[in-house]
Amino acid sequence: MDTNDLMDELARRGEAGDADGLAALCSPDLVFTQNTGLTGGIEALTALVEGLNELGISVAYSNIRRLTASDVVVEQRLVTLNRRNGVSASTDMCLVCRINDDGLIRHVDEYLDSAALAAVLS
């Protein structure tokens, strides 16, 4: 899978709330950091997705802009979180992903304005 396909699949699985599918795209030694203070490995990433699922929050990505090389991707996207009760919020996010020699994501730095999403997350 080329880098663009990998990132497209990352977005699809994120929108589907597919924690296991996201984990399958990542190296076992994944490093995941978010500017909100969340850090960890695959467990942190899957816990984040599972937490959104448990809260009934769906995720949608749009306006994806991407710069790729064989081993790094910088991507900007609009993320929209929606609760079943109709509460919704959006913000731009930036991902910096490093890809290993096996074509798996080995490092993710995620930046977003968490305050812009507070109405949905509270």
PDB file of N, CA and C in Angstrom:
ATOM      1  N   MET A   1       0.864  -1.160   0.000  1.00  0.00           N
ATOM      2  CA  MET A   1       0.000   0.000   0.000  1.00  0.00           C
ATOM      3  C   MET A   1       0.915   1.229   0.000  1.00  0.00           C
ATOM      4  N   ASP A   2       0.645   2.178  -0.898  1.00  0.00           N
ATOM      5  CA  ASP A   2       1.487   3.372  -0.906  1.00  0.00           C
ATOM      6  C   ASP A   2       1.045   4.324   0.209  1.00  0.00           C
ATOM      7  N   THR A   3       1.834   5.353   0.415  1.00  0.00           N
ATOM      8  CA  THR A   3       1.608   6.263   1.533  1.00  0.00           C
ATOM      9  C   THR A   3       0.245   6.946   1.462  1.00  0.00           C
ATOM     10  N   ASN A   4      -0.176   7.379   0.268  1.00  0.00           N
ATOM     11  CA  ASN A   4      -1.495   8.007   0.141  1.00  0.00           C
ATOM     12  C   ASN A   4      -2.609   7.032   0.477  1.00  0.00           C
ATOM     13  N   ASP A   5      -2.491   5.791  -0.001  1.00  0.00           N
ATOM     14  CA  ASP A   5      -3.501   4.777   0.313  1.00  0.00           C
ATOM     15  C   ASP A   5      -3.539   4.490   1.820  1.00  0.00           C
ATOM     16  N   LEU A   6      -2.364   4.448   2.435  1.00  0.00           N
ATOM     17  CA  LEU A   6      -2.281   4.216   3.875  1.00  0.00           C
ATOM     18  C   LEU A   6      -3.016   5.316   4.637  1.00  0.00           C
ATOM     19  N   MET A   7      -2.799   6.557   4.250  1.00  0.00           N
ATOM     20  CA  MET A   7      -3.447   7.675   4.936  1.00  0.00           C
ATOM     21  C   MET A   7      -4.954   7.716   4.653  1.00  0.00           C
ATOM     22  N   ASP A   8      -5.355   7.363   3.434  1.00  0.00           N
ATOM     23  CA  ASP A   8      -6.787   7.269   3.132  1.00  0.00           C
ATOM     24  C   ASP A   8      -7.445   6.203   4.006  1.00  0.00           C
ATOM     25  N   GLU A   9      -6.764   5.082   4.151  1.00  0.00           N
ATOM     26  CA  GLU A   9      -7.292   3.987   4.978  1.00  0.00           C
ATOM     27  C   GLU A   9      -7.333   4.396   6.449  1.00  0.00           C
ATOM     28  N   LEU A  10      -6.339   5.140   6.907  1.00  0.00           N
ATOM     29  CA  LEU A  10      -6.331   5.650   8.275  1.00  0.00           C
ATOM     30  C   LEU A  10      -7.575   6.513   8.516  1.00  0.00           C
ATOM     31  N   ALA A  11      -7.888   7.385   7.582  1.00  0.00           N
ATOM     32  CA  ALA A  11      -9.081   8.233   7.714  1.00  0.00           C
ATOM     33  C   ALA A  11     -10.357   7.399   7.698  1.00  0.00           C
ATOM     34  N   ARG A  12     -10.458   6.435   6.783  1.00  0.00           N
ATOM     35  CA  ARG A  12     -11.665   5.589   6.706  1.00  0.00           C
ATOM     36  C   ARG A  12     -11.894   4.826   8.009  1.00  0.00           C
ATOM     37  N   ARG A  13     -10.829   4.231   8.517  1.00  0.00           N
ATOM     38  CA  ARG A  13     -10.981   3.450   9.747  1.00  0.00           C
ATOM     39  C   ARG A  13     -11.257   4.346  10.953  1.00  0.00           C
ATOM     40  N   GLY A  14     -10.690   5.553  10.950  1.00  0.00           N
ATOM     41  CA  GLY A  14     -10.996   6.513  12.009  1.00  0.00           C
ATOM     42  C   GLY A  14     -12.453   6.920  11.989  1.00  0.00           C
ATOM     43  N   GLU A  15     -12.973   7.202  10.809  1.00  0.00           N
ATOM     44  CA  GLU A  15     -14.391   7.565  10.679  1.00  0.00           C
ATOM     45  C   GLU A  15     -15.302   6.411  11.059  1.00  0.00           C
ATOM     46  N   ALA A  16     -14.875   5.193  10.817  1.00  0.00           N
ATOM     47  CA  ALA A  16     -15.679   4.016  11.149  1.00  0.00           C
ATOM     48  C   ALA A  16     -15.599   3.659  12.638  1.00  0.00           C
ATOM     49  N   GLY A  17     -14.704   4.322  13.371  1.00  0.00           N
ATOM     50  CA  GLY A  17     -14.523   3.980  14.782  1.00  0.00           C
ATOM     51  C   GLY A  17     -13.911   2.605  14.957  1.00  0.00           C
ATOM     52  N   ASP A  18     -13.107   2.196  13.984  1.00  0.00           N
ATOM     53  CA  ASP A  18     -12.519   0.853  13.938  1.00  0.00           C
ATOM     54  C   ASP A  18     -11.144   0.853  14.618  1.00  0.00           C
ATOM     55  N   ALA A  19     -11.144   0.697  15.938  1.00  0.00           N
ATOM     56  CA  ALA A  19      -9.902   0.737  16.709  1.00  0.00           C
ATOM     57  C   ALA A  19      -8.936  -0.362  16.278  1.00  0.00           C
ATOM     58  N   ASP A  20      -9.437  -1.581  16.093  1.00  0.00           N
ATOM     59  CA  ASP A  20      -8.567  -2.683  15.682  1.00  0.00           C
ATOM     60  C   ASP A  20      -8.018  -2.451  14.284  1.00  0.00           C
ATOM     61  N   GLY A  21      -8.835  -1.904  13.392  1.00  0.00           N
ATOM     62  CA  GLY A  21      -8.383  -1.601  12.044  1.00  0.00           C
ATOM     63  C   GLY A  21      -7.301  -0.536  12.034  1.00  0.00           C
ATOM     64  N   LEU A  22      -7.437   0.473  12.895  1.00  0.00           N
ATOM     65  CA  LEU A  22      -6.393   1.482  13.019  1.00  0.00           C
ATOM     66  C   LEU A  22      -5.103   0.862  13.522  1.00  0.00           C
ATOM     67  N   ALA A  23      -5.211   0.001  14.522  1.00  0.00           N
ATOM     68  CA  ALA A  23      -4.031  -0.651  15.084  1.00  0.00           C
ATOM     69  C   ALA A  23      -3.301  -1.475  14.023  1.00  0.00           C
ATOM     70  N   ALA A  24      -4.052  -2.080  13.107  1.00  0.00           N
ATOM     71  CA  ALA A  24      -3.445  -2.911  12.057  1.00  0.00           C
ATOM     72  C   ALA A  24      -2.608  -2.081  11.080  1.00  0.00           C
ATOM     73  N   LEU A  25      -2.851  -0.775  11.016  1.00  0.00           N
ATOM     74  CA  LEU A  25      -2.084   0.096  10.132  1.00  0.00           C
ATOM     75  C   LEU A  25      -0.804   0.602  10.789  1.00  0.00           C
ATOM     76  N   CYS A  26      -0.642   0.256  12.068  1.00  0.00           N
ATOM     77  CA  CYS A  26       0.458   0.805  12.857  1.00  0.00           C
ATOM     78  C   CYS A  26       1.481  -0.249  13.237  1.00  0.00           C
ATOM     79  N   SER A  27       2.704   0.210  13.383  1.00  0.00           N
ATOM     80  CA  SER A  27       3.786  -0.626  13.872  1.00  0.00           C
ATOM     81  C   SER A  27       3.512  -0.972  15.339  1.00  0.00           C
ATOM     82  N   PRO A  28       3.899  -2.175  15.788  1.00  0.00           N
ATOM     83  CA  PRO A  28       3.677  -2.532  17.196  1.00  0.00           C
ATOM     84  C   PRO A  28       4.330  -1.560  18.176  1.00  0.00           C
ATOM     85  N   ASP A  29       5.387  -0.882  17.740  1.00  0.00           N
ATOM     86  CA  ASP A  29       6.066   0.071  18.620  1.00  0.00           C
ATOM     87  C   ASP A  29       5.644   1.520  18.347  1.00  0.00           C
ATOM     88  N   LEU A  30       4.427   1.704  17.866  1.00  0.00           N
ATOM     89  CA  LEU A  30       3.891   3.030  17.575  1.00  0.00           C
ATOM     90  C   LEU A  30       4.096   3.988  18.746  1.00  0.00           C
ATOM     91  N   VAL A  31       4.446   5.215  18.420  1.00  0.00           N
ATOM     92  CA  VAL A  31       4.457   6.312  19.384  1.00  0.00           C
ATOM     93  C   VAL A  31       3.371   7.283  18.932  1.00  0.00           C
ATOM     94  N   PHE A  32       2.390   7.536  19.803  1.00  0.00           N
ATOM     95  CA  PHE A  32       1.270   8.425  19.497  1.00  0.00           C
ATOM     96  C   PHE A  32       1.287   9.571  20.499  1.00  0.00           C
ATOM     97  N   THR A  33       1.309  10.798  19.995  1.00  0.00           N
ATOM     98  CA  THR A  33       1.225  11.968  20.872  1.00  0.00           C
ATOM     99  C   THR A  33       0.179  12.923  20.327  1.00  0.00           C
ATOM    100  N   GLN A  34      -0.504  13.555  21.247  1.00  0.00           N
ATOM    101  CA  GLN A  34      -1.503  14.560  20.893  1.00  0.00           C
ATOM    102  C   GLN A  34      -1.199  15.798  21.732  1.00  0.00           C
ATOM    103  N   ASN A  35      -1.343  16.965  21.156  1.00  0.00           N
ATOM    104  CA  ASN A  35      -1.005  18.188  21.876  1.00  0.00           C
ATOM    105  C   ASN A  35      -1.860  18.411  23.124  1.00  0.00           C
ATOM    106  N   THR A  36      -2.879  17.604  23.332  1.00  0.00           N
ATOM    107  CA  THR A  36      -3.710  17.702  24.537  1.00  0.00           C
ATOM    108  C   THR A  36      -3.029  17.083  25.750  1.00  0.00           C
ATOM    109  N   GLY A  37      -1.895  16.421  25.514  1.00  0.00           N
ATOM    110  CA  GLY A  37      -1.181  15.747  26.595  1.00  0.00           C
ATOM    111  C   GLY A  37      -1.285  14.231  26.524  1.00  0.00           C
ATOM    112  N   LEU A  38      -2.143  13.735  25.665  1.00  0.00           N
ATOM    113  CA  LEU A  38      -2.275  12.296  25.482  1.00  0.00           C
ATOM    114  C   LEU A  38      -1.027  11.759  24.788  1.00  0.00           C
ATOM    115  N   THR A  39      -0.404  10.764  25.373  1.00  0.00           N
ATOM    116  CA  THR A  39       0.755  10.115  24.761  1.00  0.00           C
ATOM    117  C   THR A  39       0.675   8.623  25.045  1.00  0.00           C
ATOM    118  N   GLY A  40       1.310   7.857  24.191  1.00  0.00           N
ATOM    119  CA  GLY A  40       1.352   6.422  24.398  1.00  0.00           C
ATOM    120  C   GLY A  40       1.611   5.692  23.101  1.00  0.00           C
ATOM    121  N   GLY A  41       1.228   4.450  23.088  1.00  0.00           N
ATOM    122  CA  GLY A  41       1.408   3.617  21.916  1.00  0.00           C
ATOM    123  C   GLY A  41       0.069   3.272  21.293  1.00  0.00           C
ATOM    124  N   ILE A  42       0.017   2.079  20.735  1.00  0.00           N
ATOM    125  CA  ILE A  42      -1.223   1.627  20.102  1.00  0.00           C
ATOM    126  C   ILE A  42      -2.375   1.630  21.105  1.00  0.00           C
ATOM    127  N   GLU A  43      -2.082   1.280  22.354  1.00  0.00           N
ATOM    128  CA  GLU A  43      -3.137   1.245  23.366  1.00  0.00           C
ATOM    129  C   GLU A  43      -3.777   2.613  23.563  1.00  0.00           C
ATOM    130  N   ALA A  44      -2.977   3.678  23.525  1.00  0.00           N
ATOM    131  CA  ALA A  44      -3.521   5.033  23.682  1.00  0.00           C
ATOM    132  C   ALA A  44      -4.402   5.404  22.493  1.00  0.00           C
ATOM    133  N   LEU A  45      -3.950   5.049  21.296  1.00  0.00           N
ATOM    134  CA  LEU A  45      -4.729   5.342  20.100  1.00  0.00           C
ATOM    135  C   LEU A  45      -6.049   4.587  20.104  1.00  0.00           C
ATOM    136  N   THR A  46      -6.012   3.300  20.400  1.00  0.00           N
ATOM    137  CA  THR A  46      -7.248   2.511  20.393  1.00  0.00           C
ATOM    138  C   THR A  46      -8.177   2.913  21.532  1.00  0.00           C
ATOM    139  N   ALA A  47      -7.615   3.275  22.690  1.00  0.00           N
ATOM    140  CA  ALA A  47      -8.450   3.730  23.810  1.00  0.00           C
ATOM    141  C   ALA A  47      -9.174   5.022  23.459  1.00  0.00           C
ATOM    142  N   LEU A  48      -8.510   5.912  22.732  1.00  0.00           N
ATOM    143  CA  LEU A  48      -9.139   7.150  22.293  1.00  0.00           C
ATOM    144  C   LEU A  48     -10.343   6.852  21.400  1.00  0.00           C
ATOM    145  N   VAL A  49     -10.152   5.978  20.429  1.00  0.00           N
ATOM    146  CA  VAL A  49     -11.236   5.622  19.507  1.00  0.00           C
ATOM    147  C   VAL A  49     -12.361   4.894  20.240  1.00  0.00           C
ATOM    148  N   GLU A  50     -12.015   3.952  21.084  1.00  0.00           N
ATOM    149  CA  GLU A  50     -13.034   3.221  21.835  1.00  0.00           C
ATOM    150  C   GLU A  50     -13.800   4.134  22.778  1.00  0.00           C
ATOM    151  N   GLY A  51     -13.113   5.124  23.355  1.00  0.00           N
ATOM    152  CA  GLY A  51     -13.791   6.093  24.220  1.00  0.00           C
ATOM    153  C   GLY A  51     -14.822   6.912  23.456  1.00  0.00           C
ATOM    154  N   LEU A  52     -14.468   7.355  22.256  1.00  0.00           N
ATOM    155  CA  LEU A  52     -15.430   8.083  21.425  1.00  0.00           C
ATOM    156  C   LEU A  52     -16.623   7.190  21.091  1.00  0.00           C
ATOM    157  N   ASN A  53     -16.345   5.930  20.750  1.00  0.00           N
ATOM    158  CA  ASN A  53     -17.426   4.987  20.440  1.00  0.00           C
ATOM    159  C   ASN A  53     -18.370   4.825  21.629  1.00  0.00           C
ATOM    160  N   GLU A  54     -17.797   4.668  22.824  1.00  0.00           N
ATOM    161  CA  GLU A  54     -18.612   4.476  24.027  1.00  0.00           C
ATOM    162  C   GLU A  54     -19.485   5.685  24.325  1.00  0.00           C
ATOM    163  N   LEU A  55     -18.998   6.866  23.992  1.00  0.00           N
ATOM    164  CA  LEU A  55     -19.769   8.089  24.203  1.00  0.00           C
ATOM    165  C   LEU A  55     -20.775   8.351  23.087  1.00  0.00           C
ATOM    166  N   GLY A  56     -20.776   7.502  22.059  1.00  0.00           N
ATOM    167  CA  GLY A  56     -21.695   7.688  20.941  1.00  0.00           C
ATOM    168  C   GLY A  56     -21.304   8.858  20.053  1.00  0.00           C
ATOM    169  N   ILE A  57     -20.015   9.107  19.960  1.00  0.00           N
ATOM    170  CA  ILE A  57     -19.522  10.218  19.155  1.00  0.00           C
ATOM    171  C   ILE A  57     -18.969   9.674  17.847  1.00  0.00           C
ATOM    172  N   SER A  58     -19.489  10.190  16.741  1.00  0.00           N
ATOM    173  CA  SER A  58     -18.959   9.804  15.433  1.00  0.00           C
ATOM    174  C   SER A  58     -17.970  10.862  14.960  1.00  0.00           C
ATOM    175  N   VAL A  59     -17.083  10.435  14.082  1.00  0.00           N
ATOM    176  CA  VAL A  59     -16.011  11.291  13.566  1.00  0.00           C
ATOM    177  C   VAL A  59     -16.148  11.369  12.053  1.00  0.00           C
ATOM    178  N   ALA A  60     -15.980  12.576  11.516  1.00  0.00           N
ATOM    179  CA  ALA A  60     -15.954  12.766  10.063  1.00  0.00           C
ATOM    180  C   ALA A  60     -14.775  13.673   9.722  1.00  0.00           C
ATOM    181  N   TYR A  61     -14.082  13.332   8.643  1.00  0.00           N
ATOM    182  CA  TYR A  61     -12.961  14.137   8.172  1.00  0.00           C
ATOM    183  C   TYR A  61     -13.319  14.721   6.810  1.00  0.00           C
ATOM    184  N   SER A  62     -12.908  15.947   6.592  1.00  0.00           N
ATOM    185  CA  SER A  62     -13.119  16.590   5.296  1.00  0.00           C
ATOM    186  C   SER A  62     -11.967  17.547   5.026  1.00  0.00           C
ATOM    187  N   ASN A  63     -11.953  18.078   3.808  1.00  0.00           N
ATOM    188  CA  ASN A  63     -10.942  19.047   3.397  1.00  0.00           C
ATOM    189  C   ASN A  63      -9.524  18.566   3.728  1.00  0.00           C
ATOM    190  N   ILE A  64      -9.216  17.342   3.329  1.00  0.00           N
ATOM    191  CA  ILE A  64      -7.903  16.754   3.610  1.00  0.00           C
ATOM    192  C   ILE A  64      -6.871  17.327   2.653  1.00  0.00           C
ATOM    193  N   ARG A  65      -5.788  17.854   3.227  1.00  0.00           N
ATOM    194  CA  ARG A  65      -4.654  18.364   2.461  1.00  0.00           C
ATOM    195  C   ARG A  65      -3.426  17.619   2.947  1.00  0.00           C
ATOM    196  N   ARG A  66      -2.638  17.085   2.018  1.00  0.00           N
ATOM    197  CA  ARG A  66      -1.584  16.148   2.396  1.00  0.00           C
ATOM    198  C   ARG A  66      -0.311  16.387   1.602  1.00  0.00           C
ATOM    199  N   LEU A  67       0.813  16.315   2.303  1.00  0.00           N
ATOM    200  CA  LEU A  67       2.139  16.288   1.690  1.00  0.00           C
ATOM    201  C   LEU A  67       2.775  14.959   2.079  1.00  0.00           C
ATOM    202  N   THR A  68       3.262  14.219   1.097  1.00  0.00           N
ATOM    203  CA  THR A  68       3.809  12.900   1.394  1.00  0.00           C
ATOM    204  C   THR A  68       5.214  12.739   0.849  1.00  0.00           C
ATOM    205  N   ALA A  69       5.943  11.896   1.528  1.00  0.00           N
ATOM    206  CA  ALA A  69       7.217  11.357   1.066  1.00  0.00           C
ATOM    207  C   ALA A  69       7.136   9.873   1.393  1.00  0.00           C
ATOM    208  N   SER A  70       8.163   9.131   1.083  1.00  0.00           N
ATOM    209  CA  SER A  70       8.082   7.688   1.318  1.00  0.00           C
ATOM    210  C   SER A  70       7.972   7.335   2.800  1.00  0.00           C
ATOM    211  N   ASP A  71       8.505   8.172   3.677  1.00  0.00           N
ATOM    212  CA  ASP A  71       8.524   7.814   5.091  1.00  0.00           C
ATOM    213  C   ASP A  71       7.900   8.859   6.023  1.00  0.00           C
ATOM    214  N   VAL A  72       7.294   9.890   5.468  1.00  0.00           N
ATOM    215  CA  VAL A  72       6.641  10.891   6.319  1.00  0.00           C
ATOM    216  C   VAL A  72       5.453  11.506   5.576  1.00  0.00           C
ATOM    217  N   VAL A  73       4.420  11.833   6.362  1.00  0.00           N
ATOM    218  CA  VAL A  73       3.221  12.488   5.831  1.00  0.00           C
ATOM    219  C   VAL A  73       2.872  13.631   6.768  1.00  0.00           C
ATOM    220  N   VAL A  74       2.590  14.772   6.190  1.00  0.00           N
ATOM    221  CA  VAL A  74       2.029  15.897   6.940  1.00  0.00           C
ATOM    222  C   VAL A  74       0.651  16.130   6.344  1.00  0.00           C
ATOM    223  N   GLU A  75      -0.351  16.065   7.200  1.00  0.00           N
ATOM    224  CA  GLU A  75      -1.722  16.158   6.708  1.00  0.00           C
ATOM    225  C   GLU A  75      -2.517  17.129   7.568  1.00  0.00           C
ATOM    226  N   GLN A  76      -3.274  17.974   6.906  1.00  0.00           N
ATOM    227  CA  GLN A  76      -4.241  18.828   7.577  1.00  0.00           C
ATOM    228  C   GLN A  76      -5.626  18.350   7.158  1.00  0.00           C
ATOM    229  N   ARG A  77      -6.544  18.387   8.102  1.00  0.00           N
ATOM    230  CA  ARG A  77      -7.918  17.982   7.809  1.00  0.00           C
ATOM    231  C   ARG A  77      -8.862  18.661   8.777  1.00  0.00           C
ATOM    232  N   LEU A  78     -10.086  18.803   8.363  1.00  0.00           N
ATOM    233  CA  LEU A  78     -11.127  19.287   9.252  1.00  0.00           C
ATOM    234  C   LEU A  78     -11.747  18.058   9.910  1.00  0.00           C
ATOM    235  N   VAL A  79     -11.763  18.030  11.223  1.00  0.00           N
ATOM    236  CA  VAL A  79     -12.396  16.935  11.943  1.00  0.00           C
ATOM    237  C   VAL A  79     -13.686  17.456  12.549  1.00  0.00           C
ATOM    238  N   THR A  80     -14.759  16.688  12.371  1.00  0.00           N
ATOM    239  CA  THR A  80     -16.062  17.032  12.933  1.00  0.00           C
ATOM    240  C   THR A  80     -16.500  15.884  13.821  1.00  0.00           C
ATOM    241  N   LEU A  81     -16.826  16.206  15.064  1.00  0.00           N
ATOM    242  CA  LEU A  81     -17.352  15.223  16.007  1.00  0.00           C
ATOM    243  C   LEU A  81     -18.846  15.473  16.156  1.00  0.00           C
ATOM    244  N   ASN A  82     -19.611  14.396  16.128  1.00  0.00           N
ATOM    245  CA  ASN A  82     -21.079  14.474  16.231  1.00  0.00           C
ATOM    246  C   ASN A  82     -21.576  13.519  17.304  1.00  0.00           C
ATOM    247  N   ARG A  83     -22.407  14.035  18.191  1.00  0.00           N
ATOM    248  CA  ARG A  83     -23.096  13.177  19.166  1.00  0.00           C
ATOM    249  C   ARG A  83     -24.453  12.787  18.601  1.00  0.00           C
ATOM    250  N   ARG A  84     -24.971  11.692  19.079  1.00  0.00           N
ATOM    251  CA  ARG A  84     -26.285  11.229  18.615  1.00  0.00           C
ATOM    252  C   ARG A  84     -27.387  12.246  18.898  1.00  0.00           C
ATOM    253  N   ASN A  85     -27.193  13.077  19.928  1.00  0.00           N
ATOM    254  CA  ASN A  85     -28.216  14.073  20.289  1.00  0.00           C
ATOM    255  C   ASN A  85     -28.169  15.319  19.402  1.00  0.00           C
ATOM    256  N   GLY A  86     -27.289  15.316  18.393  1.00  0.00           N
ATOM    257  CA  GLY A  86     -27.219  16.423  17.457  1.00  0.00           C
ATOM    258  C   GLY A  86     -26.148  17.452  17.748  1.00  0.00           C
ATOM    259  N   VAL A  87     -25.507  17.380  18.904  1.00  0.00           N
ATOM    260  CA  VAL A  87     -24.427  18.313  19.213  1.00  0.00           C
ATOM    261  C   VAL A  87     -23.238  17.979  18.323  1.00  0.00           C
ATOM    262  N   SER A  88     -22.655  19.020  17.725  1.00  0.00           N
ATOM    263  CA  SER A  88     -21.575  18.840  16.764  1.00  0.00           C
ATOM    264  C   SER A  88     -20.534  19.938  16.954  1.00  0.00           C
ATOM    265  N   ALA A  89     -19.284  19.620  16.646  1.00  0.00           N
ATOM    266  CA  ALA A  89     -18.216  20.621  16.689  1.00  0.00           C
ATOM    267  C   ALA A  89     -17.130  20.210  15.708  1.00  0.00           C
ATOM    268  N   SER A  90     -16.437  21.222  15.165  1.00  0.00           N
ATOM    269  CA  SER A  90     -15.375  20.974  14.185  1.00  0.00           C
ATOM    270  C   SER A  90     -14.148  21.817  14.500  1.00  0.00           C
ATOM    271  N   THR A  91     -13.004  21.329  14.075  1.00  0.00           N
ATOM    272  CA  THR A  91     -11.764  22.090  14.153  1.00  0.00           C
ATOM    273  C   THR A  91     -10.769  21.509  13.160  1.00  0.00           C
ATOM    274  N   ASP A  92      -9.818  22.312  12.766  1.00  0.00           N
ATOM    275  CA  ASP A  92      -8.733  21.797  11.935  1.00  0.00           C
ATOM    276  C   ASP A  92      -7.798  20.977  12.795  1.00  0.00           C
ATOM    277  N   MET A  93      -7.234  19.945  12.206  1.00  0.00           N
ATOM    278  CA  MET A  93      -6.229  19.149  12.890  1.00  0.00           C
ATOM    279  C   MET A  93      -5.064  18.951  11.946  1.00  0.00           C
ATOM    280  N   CYS A  94      -3.907  18.728  12.514  1.00  0.00           N
ATOM    281  CA  CYS A  94      -2.705  18.439  11.741  1.00  0.00           C
ATOM    282  C   CYS A  94      -2.118  17.139  12.255  1.00  0.00           C
ATOM    283  N   LEU A  95      -1.774  16.268  11.332  1.00  0.00           N
ATOM    284  CA  LEU A  95      -1.103  15.005  11.659  1.00  0.00           C
ATOM    285  C   LEU A  95       0.275  15.005  11.014  1.00  0.00           C
ATOM    286  N   VAL A  96       1.254  14.574  11.768  1.00  0.00           N
ATOM    287  CA  VAL A  96       2.572  14.295  11.214  1.00  0.00           C
ATOM    288  C   VAL A  96       2.811  12.818  11.493  1.00  0.00           C
ATOM    289  N   CYS A  97       2.872  12.029  10.426  1.00  0.00           N
ATOM    290  CA  CYS A  97       3.023  10.576  10.563  1.00  0.00           C
ATOM    291  C   CYS A  97       4.344  10.143   9.947  1.00  0.00           C
ATOM    292  N   ARG A  98       5.046   9.300  10.662  1.00  0.00           N
ATOM    293  CA  ARG A  98       6.268   8.701  10.140  1.00  0.00           C
ATOM    294  C   ARG A  98       5.982   7.236   9.841  1.00  0.00           C
ATOM    295  N   ILE A  99       6.436   6.787   8.683  1.00  0.00           N
ATOM    296  CA  ILE A  99       6.140   5.445   8.191  1.00  0.00           C
ATOM    297  C   ILE A  99       7.419   4.608   8.254  1.00  0.00           C
ATOM    298  N   ASN A 100       7.311   3.353   8.713  1.00  0.00           N
ATOM    299  CA  ASN A 100       8.499   2.505   8.771  1.00  0.00           C
ATOM    300  C   ASN A 100       8.734   1.794   7.441  1.00  0.00           C
ATOM    301  N   ASP A 101       9.799   1.010   7.373  1.00  0.00           N
ATOM    302  CA  ASP A 101      10.172   0.307   6.138  1.00  0.00           C
ATOM    303  C   ASP A 101       9.146  -0.736   5.719  1.00  0.00           C
ATOM    304  N   ASP A 102       8.307  -1.177   6.654  1.00  0.00           N
ATOM    305  CA  ASP A 102       7.262  -2.157   6.344  1.00  0.00           C
ATOM    306  C   ASP A 102       5.963  -1.497   5.872  1.00  0.00           C
ATOM    307  N   GLY A 103       5.969  -0.156   5.770  1.00  0.00           N
ATOM    308  CA  GLY A 103       4.773   0.555   5.326  1.00  0.00           C
ATOM    309  C   GLY A 103       3.736   0.761   6.407  1.00  0.00           C
ATOM    310  N   LEU A 104       4.149   0.649   7.660  1.00  0.00           N
ATOM    311  CA  LEU A 104       3.244   0.851   8.792  1.00  0.00           C
ATOM    312  C   LEU A 104       3.561   2.176   9.470  1.00  0.00           C
ATOM    313  N   ILE A 105       2.571   2.758  10.088  1.00  0.00           N
ATOM    314  CA  ILE A 105       2.758   4.019  10.796  1.00  0.00           C
ATOM    315  C   ILE A 105       3.499   3.731  12.095  1.00  0.00           C
ATOM    316  N   ARG A 106       4.622   4.416  12.295  1.00  0.00           N
ATOM    317  CA  ARG A 106       5.428   4.172  13.498  1.00  0.00           C
ATOM    318  C   ARG A 106       5.396   5.326  14.483  1.00  0.00           C
ATOM    319  N   HIS A 107       4.953   6.505  14.018  1.00  0.00           N
ATOM    320  CA  HIS A 107       4.908   7.674  14.897  1.00  0.00           C
ATOM    321  C   HIS A 107       3.814   8.621  14.398  1.00  0.00           C
ATOM    322  N   VAL A 108       2.986   9.085  15.312  1.00  0.00           N
ATOM    323  CA  VAL A 108       1.933  10.051  14.987  1.00  0.00           C
ATOM    324  C   VAL A 108       2.020  11.196  15.985  1.00  0.00           C
ATOM    325  N   ASP A 109       2.145  12.407  15.453  1.00  0.00           N
ATOM    326  CA  ASP A 109       1.976  13.626  16.246  1.00  0.00           C
ATOM    327  C   ASP A 109       0.691  14.264  15.745  1.00  0.00           C
ATOM    328  N   GLU A 110      -0.256  14.474  16.659  1.00  0.00           N
ATOM    329  CA  GLU A 110      -1.562  15.017  16.289  1.00  0.00           C
ATOM    330  C   GLU A 110      -1.772  16.337  17.020  1.00  0.00           C
ATOM    331  N   TYR A 111      -2.159  17.353  16.257  1.00  0.00           N
ATOM    332  CA  TYR A 111      -2.381  18.686  16.812  1.00  0.00           C
ATOM    333  C   TYR A 111      -3.788  19.136  16.475  1.00  0.00           C
ATOM    334  N   LEU A 112      -4.529  19.579  17.502  1.00  0.00           N
ATOM    335  CA  LEU A 112      -5.877  20.090  17.288  1.00  0.00           C
ATOM    336  C   LEU A 112      -6.251  21.021  18.423  1.00  0.00           C
ATOM    337  N   ASP A 113      -7.277  21.811  18.208  1.00  0.00           N
ATOM    338  CA  ASP A 113      -7.788  22.731  19.217  1.00  0.00           C
ATOM    339  C   ASP A 113      -8.868  21.998  20.002  1.00  0.00           C
ATOM    340  N   SER A 114      -8.491  21.398  21.114  1.00  0.00           N
ATOM    341  CA  SER A 114      -9.432  20.611  21.895  1.00  0.00           C
ATOM    342  C   SER A 114     -10.566  21.467  22.468  1.00  0.00           C
ATOM    343  N   ALA A 115     -10.305  22.742  22.720  1.00  0.00           N
ATOM    344  CA  ALA A 115     -11.361  23.624  23.230  1.00  0.00           C
ATOM    345  C   ALA A 115     -12.494  23.757  22.219  1.00  0.00           C
ATOM    346  N   ALA A 116     -12.174  23.697  20.929  1.00  0.00           N
ATOM    347  CA  ALA A 116     -13.197  23.808  19.896  1.00  0.00           C
ATOM    348  C   ALA A 116     -14.117  22.588  19.886  1.00  0.00           C
ATOM    349  N   LEU A 117     -13.660  21.486  20.462  1.00  0.00           N
ATOM    350  CA  LEU A 117     -14.441  20.244  20.480  1.00  0.00           C
ATOM    351  C   LEU A 117     -15.110  19.989  21.827  1.00  0.00           C
ATOM    352  N   ALA A 118     -14.896  20.878  22.782  1.00  0.00           N
ATOM    353  CA  ALA A 118     -15.353  20.668  24.154  1.00  0.00           C
ATOM    354  C   ALA A 118     -16.859  20.428  24.273  1.00  0.00           C
ATOM    355  N   ALA A 119     -17.652  21.098  23.453  1.00  0.00           N
ATOM    356  CA  ALA A 119     -19.116  20.940  23.546  1.00  0.00           C
ATOM    357  C   ALA A 119     -19.549  19.516  23.269  1.00  0.00           C
ATOM    358  N   VAL A 120     -18.809  18.817  22.431  1.00  0.00           N
ATOM    359  CA  VAL A 120     -19.146  17.431  22.112  1.00  0.00           C
ATOM    360  C   VAL A 120     -18.546  16.473  23.127  1.00  0.00           C
ATOM    361  N   LEU A 121     -17.366  16.783  23.613  1.00  0.00           N
ATOM    362  CA  LEU A 121     -16.647  15.873  24.500  1.00  0.00           C
ATOM    363  C   LEU A 121     -17.084  15.956  25.960  1.00  0.00           C
ATOM    364  N   SER A 122     -17.818  16.996  26.327  1.00  0.00           N
ATOM    365  CA  SER A 122     -18.213  17.146  27.744  1.00  0.00           C
ATOM    366  C   SER A 122     -19.543  16.485  28.022  1.00  0.00           C
TER     367      SER A 122
END
